[in-house]
Amino acid sequence: MPPRPIAPVALTIAGSDSGGGAGIQADLKTFSALGVYGASVVTAITAQNTRGVAAVEDVSAGMVAAQMEAVLSDLDVKAVKIGMVSRRETIAVIADGLRRYGRLAVVDPVMVATSGDRLLHPGAIAALIEDLLPLALVATPNLAEAALLTGRPTAESEGEMVRQAEALLKTGARSVLVKGGHLPGGDATDVFLDGQTLLRLPASRIETHNDHGTGCTLSAAIAAGLASGLPLAEAVRAAKHYLHGAISAADDLKVGQGRGPVHHFHQWWNS
């Protein structure tokens, strides 16, 4: 009997969501659902559920650095995803670790939770732009995050999404995926730009109250695709498809009393 193939390894650097729908927990579920072994570096601990965030406690920058060193010095990490990094000091040690190990990352600039709770200290925004975006193979802001990062009004059209993506490319990011889920209209259309290729990624809008963790899940799915050897644009397309399925099945979970999570294992549990 031939040996089983070794699962590729992806690393998530993000905050913990005690409700299990976003952050580290969503990333590891996504990696597992897509056949990738997940390692993690915890940047913050949140007390949250489907109704909101009750408390946030940051992990020290030294401990974040130690976790990165432990993982990257031992595991054959094929892709890195970065989510919630709320402090300038944390961003600095993550950027240093990526540079030392010669890694680029999927950077999801998590600033505000789906509930509306702010997760990024205001002083850290400049560090994210100056230190992390230049190390982004792809940055994946939503409309509000793209506006904060570019200093422009929130996009109300696909044309403005493209202009903000172009502005973010100037920060040093190799490519940008601006997520248009909150754009008015019947479709949830994302825009991908790498300086040469412009991709319009539409999907039918799904009416559901259970959309917690969508951004984390999408960026983790991109990282999973990259770890599995997909070219970037193909990894983005595959991640969009996976997320659409996870949102479509979200109402089947019935988790919590607020905005529930997407269904990361929809391909398995409903089969």
Protein backbone atom coordinates (compact mmCIF):
# COMPACT_ATOMS: atom_id res chain seq x y z
CA MET A 1 0.00 0.00 0.00
CA PRO A 2 1.59 3.34 -1.04
CA PRO A 3 2.34 5.81 1.76
CA ARG A 4 -0.19 8.54 2.34
CA PRO A 5 0.85 11.98 1.09
CA ILE A 6 2.05 14.35 3.79
CA ALA A 7 -0.40 17.16 4.44
CA PRO A 8 0.99 20.62 3.70
CA VAL A 9 1.39 22.95 6.69
CA ALA A 10 -0.09 26.42 7.04
CA LEU A 11 0.45 28.81 9.95
CA THR A 12 -2.13 31.24 11.31
CA ILE A 13 -1.00 34.21 13.40
CA ALA A 14 -4.15 35.66 14.93
CA GLY A 15 -6.33 36.14 17.98
CA SER A 16 -8.36 33.48 19.75
CA ASP A 17 -12.17 33.61 19.56
CA SER A 18 -13.67 31.83 22.56
CA GLY A 19 -16.92 31.42 20.62
CA GLY A 20 -15.07 29.43 17.96
CA GLY A 21 -16.42 31.26 14.92
CA ALA A 22 -13.54 33.54 13.96
CA GLY A 23 -9.81 34.06 14.59
CA ILE A 24 -7.49 31.13 15.28
CA GLN A 25 -10.40 28.72 15.65
CA ALA A 26 -11.91 29.61 12.27
CA ASP A 27 -8.51 29.43 10.61
CA LEU A 28 -7.69 25.98 11.97
CA LYS A 29 -11.14 24.68 11.01
CA THR A 30 -10.66 26.05 7.49
CA PHE A 31 -7.21 24.51 7.16
CA SER A 32 -8.55 21.13 8.30
CA ALA A 33 -11.57 21.28 5.99
CA LEU A 34 -9.25 21.95 3.05
CA GLY A 35 -6.77 19.18 3.84
CA VAL A 36 -4.03 21.32 5.37
CA TYR A 37 -2.30 20.82 8.72
CA GLY A 38 -2.67 23.96 10.82
CA ALA A 39 -0.17 25.49 13.23
CA SER A 40 -0.90 28.64 15.22
CA VAL A 41 0.58 31.68 16.91
CA VAL A 42 -1.88 33.33 19.30
CA THR A 43 -1.64 37.14 19.40
CA ALA A 44 -4.58 37.90 21.69
CA ILE A 45 -7.25 36.20 23.75
CA THR A 46 -10.80 37.42 23.39
CA ALA A 47 -13.84 36.70 25.52
CA GLN A 48 -16.55 36.70 22.90
CA ASN A 49 -19.56 34.86 21.61
CA THR A 50 -22.08 35.33 18.83
CA ARG A 51 -23.40 38.50 20.52
CA GLY A 52 -20.13 40.43 20.79
CA VAL A 53 -16.72 40.88 22.37
CA ALA A 54 -16.70 41.18 26.17
CA ALA A 55 -12.94 41.45 26.77
CA VAL A 56 -9.60 41.36 24.95
CA GLU A 57 -6.21 40.53 26.45
CA ASP A 58 -3.12 40.84 24.28
CA VAL A 59 -0.37 38.23 24.36
CA SER A 60 3.03 39.82 24.98
CA ALA A 61 5.18 40.58 21.95
CA GLY A 62 7.91 38.36 23.38
CA MET A 63 5.55 35.39 23.57
CA VAL A 64 4.33 36.01 20.03
CA ALA A 65 7.96 36.02 18.85
CA ALA A 66 8.68 32.81 20.78
CA GLN A 67 5.69 31.04 19.22
CA MET A 68 6.78 32.08 15.72
CA GLU A 69 10.32 30.89 16.33
CA ALA A 70 9.10 27.55 17.67
CA VAL A 71 6.88 26.89 14.67
CA LEU A 72 9.00 28.24 11.83
CA SER A 73 12.24 26.68 13.07
CA ASP A 74 10.69 23.20 13.07
CA LEU A 75 7.64 22.86 10.80
CA ASP A 76 7.81 23.03 7.01
CA VAL A 77 5.32 25.90 6.76
CA LYS A 78 4.11 26.42 3.20
CA ALA A 79 1.88 29.45 3.82
CA VAL A 80 1.30 32.03 6.56
CA LYS A 81 -1.92 33.87 7.31
CA ILE A 82 -1.99 36.91 9.63
CA GLY A 83 -5.20 38.06 11.27
CA MET A 84 -5.76 40.07 14.43
CA VAL A 85 -2.61 41.95 15.49
CA SER A 86 -3.77 44.76 17.73
CA ARG A 87 -0.52 46.39 18.94
CA ARG A 88 2.47 48.05 17.30
CA GLU A 89 4.90 45.88 19.31
CA THR A 90 3.19 42.69 18.11
CA ILE A 91 3.29 43.83 14.50
CA ALA A 92 7.01 44.59 14.82
CA VAL A 93 7.97 41.11 16.05
CA ILE A 94 5.77 39.41 13.44
CA ALA A 95 7.35 41.44 10.64
CA ASP A 96 10.80 40.63 12.00
CA GLY A 97 10.01 36.91 12.09
CA LEU A 98 8.67 36.92 8.54
CA ARG A 99 11.76 38.72 7.27
CA ARG A 100 14.16 36.39 9.10
CA TYR A 101 12.47 33.32 7.64
CA GLY A 102 11.97 34.88 4.21
CA ARG A 103 8.18 34.59 4.26
CA LEU A 104 5.38 36.58 2.69
CA ALA A 105 1.90 36.25 4.17
CA VAL A 106 -1.81 36.47 3.53
CA VAL A 107 -2.56 39.59 5.59
CA ASP A 108 -6.14 40.04 6.74
CA PRO A 109 -6.12 43.50 8.37
CA VAL A 110 -8.64 42.75 11.12
CA MET A 111 -9.67 46.07 12.63
CA VAL A 112 -13.32 45.67 13.56
CA ALA A 113 -15.26 42.52 14.46
CA THR A 114 -18.47 41.60 12.63
CA SER A 115 -20.29 42.75 15.79
CA GLY A 116 -18.81 46.24 15.34
CA ASP A 117 -16.30 45.93 18.20
CA ARG A 118 -12.94 47.58 17.41
CA LEU A 119 -10.04 45.11 17.65
CA LEU A 120 -7.04 47.21 16.58
CA HIS A 121 -5.44 49.93 18.68
CA PRO A 122 -5.42 53.20 16.68
CA GLY A 123 -1.63 53.54 17.03
CA ALA A 124 -1.14 50.16 15.36
CA ILE A 125 -2.68 51.17 12.03
CA ALA A 126 0.48 52.96 10.87
CA ALA A 127 2.61 49.95 11.86
CA LEU A 128 0.34 47.63 9.93
CA ILE A 129 0.71 49.79 6.82
CA GLU A 130 4.45 50.35 7.19
CA ASP A 131 5.60 46.96 8.50
CA LEU A 132 3.11 44.26 7.50
CA LEU A 133 1.63 45.29 4.16
CA PRO A 134 5.07 45.29 2.48
CA LEU A 135 5.29 41.61 3.53
CA ALA A 136 1.86 40.73 2.15
CA LEU A 137 1.66 38.31 -0.74
CA VAL A 138 -1.98 39.34 -0.67
CA ALA A 139 -3.87 41.71 1.63
CA THR A 140 -7.58 41.03 2.11
CA PRO A 141 -9.37 44.11 3.52
CA ASN A 142 -13.12 44.54 3.53
CA LEU A 143 -14.62 47.86 2.45
CA ALA A 144 -14.30 49.51 5.87
CA GLU A 145 -10.73 48.27 6.34
CA ALA A 146 -9.65 49.37 2.86
CA ALA A 147 -11.04 52.83 3.60
CA LEU A 148 -9.17 53.06 6.92
CA LEU A 149 -5.91 51.88 5.33
CA THR A 150 -6.12 54.29 2.40
CA GLY A 151 -7.66 57.27 4.18
CA ARG A 152 -10.49 57.37 1.65
CA PRO A 153 -14.28 57.18 2.08
CA THR A 154 -15.77 53.69 2.16
CA ALA A 155 -16.13 52.44 -1.41
CA GLU A 156 -19.64 52.49 -2.86
CA SER A 157 -18.72 51.12 -6.28
CA GLU A 158 -16.45 48.53 -7.81
CA GLY A 159 -14.48 51.32 -9.47
CA GLU A 160 -13.63 52.82 -6.09
CA MET A 161 -12.71 49.35 -4.80
CA VAL A 162 -10.18 49.07 -7.62
CA ARG A 163 -8.78 52.54 -6.86
CA GLN A 164 -8.31 51.62 -3.21
CA ALA A 165 -6.67 48.33 -4.21
CA GLU A 166 -4.26 50.33 -6.39
CA ALA A 167 -3.48 52.59 -3.43
CA LEU A 168 -2.74 49.59 -1.22
CA LEU A 169 -0.40 48.13 -3.85
CA LYS A 170 1.70 51.26 -3.38
CA THR A 171 2.31 50.26 0.27
CA GLY A 172 4.33 47.30 -1.00
CA ALA A 173 1.70 44.57 -0.91
CA ARG A 174 2.19 42.21 -3.86
CA SER A 175 -1.56 41.94 -4.43
CA VAL A 176 -4.84 43.05 -2.87
CA LEU A 177 -8.26 41.45 -2.58
CA VAL A 178 -10.87 44.05 -1.61
CA LYS A 179 -13.95 42.25 -0.30
CA GLY A 180 -17.22 43.78 -1.44
CA GLY A 181 -19.66 41.83 0.67
CA HIS A 182 -21.19 45.02 2.06
CA LEU A 183 -21.48 46.78 -1.28
CA PRO A 184 -25.12 47.50 -2.22
CA GLY A 185 -26.58 45.24 -4.87
CA GLY A 186 -27.58 41.67 -5.55
CA ASP A 187 -24.06 40.23 -5.77
CA ALA A 188 -21.21 40.08 -3.27
CA THR A 189 -18.35 40.99 -5.58
CA ASP A 190 -14.69 41.03 -4.59
CA VAL A 191 -11.92 42.68 -6.60
CA PHE A 192 -8.42 41.16 -6.91
CA LEU A 193 -5.51 43.20 -8.25
CA ASP A 194 -1.81 42.37 -8.46
CA GLY A 195 -0.61 45.28 -10.59
CA GLN A 196 -1.02 43.33 -13.83
CA THR A 197 -4.16 41.24 -13.44
CA LEU A 198 -7.56 42.54 -12.40
CA LEU A 199 -10.08 39.87 -11.42
CA ARG A 200 -13.73 40.50 -10.64
CA LEU A 201 -15.02 37.76 -8.35
CA PRO A 202 -18.83 37.87 -8.08
CA ALA A 203 -21.02 35.57 -6.02
CA SER A 204 -24.72 35.62 -5.32
CA ARG A 205 -25.55 37.37 -2.05
CA ILE A 206 -26.80 35.01 0.65
CA GLU A 207 -29.33 36.34 3.13
CA THR A 208 -28.27 35.03 6.53
CA HIS A 209 -27.72 36.36 10.02
CA ASN A 210 -24.92 33.84 10.53
CA ASP A 211 -21.84 35.39 8.97
CA HIS A 212 -19.39 35.54 11.88
CA GLY A 213 -15.81 34.81 10.78
CA THR A 214 -16.24 35.33 7.05
CA GLY A 215 -13.07 37.42 6.64
CA CYS A 216 -10.94 35.07 8.73
CA THR A 217 -12.28 32.08 6.83
CA LEU A 218 -11.61 33.58 3.40
CA SER A 219 -8.01 34.56 4.18
CA ALA A 220 -7.34 31.18 5.82
CA ALA A 221 -8.75 29.42 2.75
CA ILE A 222 -6.40 31.42 0.52
CA ALA A 223 -3.48 30.36 2.72
CA ALA A 224 -4.66 26.74 2.55
CA GLY A 225 -4.74 26.92 -1.24
CA LEU A 226 -1.25 28.40 -1.37
CA ALA A 227 0.05 25.72 1.04
CA SER A 228 -1.43 23.10 -1.28
CA GLY A 229 0.49 24.56 -4.23
CA LEU A 230 -2.19 26.57 -6.00
CA PRO A 231 -1.13 29.74 -7.86
CA LEU A 232 -2.30 32.86 -6.04
CA ALA A 233 -5.19 33.81 -8.33
CA GLU A 234 -6.44 30.22 -8.32
CA ALA A 235 -6.14 30.06 -4.51
CA VAL A 236 -8.24 33.23 -4.27
CA ARG A 237 -10.93 31.80 -6.57
CA ALA A 238 -11.01 28.50 -4.66
CA ALA A 239 -11.23 30.32 -1.32
CA LYS A 240 -14.17 32.42 -2.55
CA HIS A 241 -15.97 29.25 -3.65
CA TYR A 242 -15.33 27.54 -0.30
CA LEU A 243 -16.56 30.55 1.68
CA HIS A 244 -19.70 30.81 -0.42
CA GLY A 245 -20.54 27.23 0.48
CA ALA A 246 -19.77 27.85 4.16
CA ILE A 247 -22.10 30.86 4.23
CA SER A 248 -24.82 29.00 2.31
CA ALA A 249 -24.83 26.27 4.98
CA ALA A 250 -24.40 28.60 7.97
CA ASP A 251 -28.05 28.49 9.05
CA ASP A 252 -27.78 24.71 9.51
CA LEU A 253 -25.45 25.13 12.52
CA LYS A 254 -27.72 27.14 14.82
CA VAL A 255 -24.85 28.18 17.10
CA GLY A 256 -25.48 30.91 19.68
CA GLN A 257 -28.14 33.58 20.03
CA GLY A 258 -26.50 36.32 17.92
CA ARG A 259 -24.56 36.34 14.65
CA GLY A 260 -23.56 32.71 14.32
CA PRO A 261 -20.52 31.36 12.48
CA VAL A 262 -20.27 30.12 8.92
CA HIS A 263 -20.23 26.35 8.45
CA HIS A 264 -16.58 25.44 7.96
CA PHE A 265 -17.29 21.72 7.53
CA HIS A 266 -20.29 22.06 5.24
CA GLN A 267 -18.71 19.68 2.72
CA TRP A 268 -18.43 16.98 5.38
CA TRP A 269 -21.22 17.30 7.91
CA ASN A 270 -24.00 17.75 5.35
CA SER A 271 -22.85 15.01 3.00
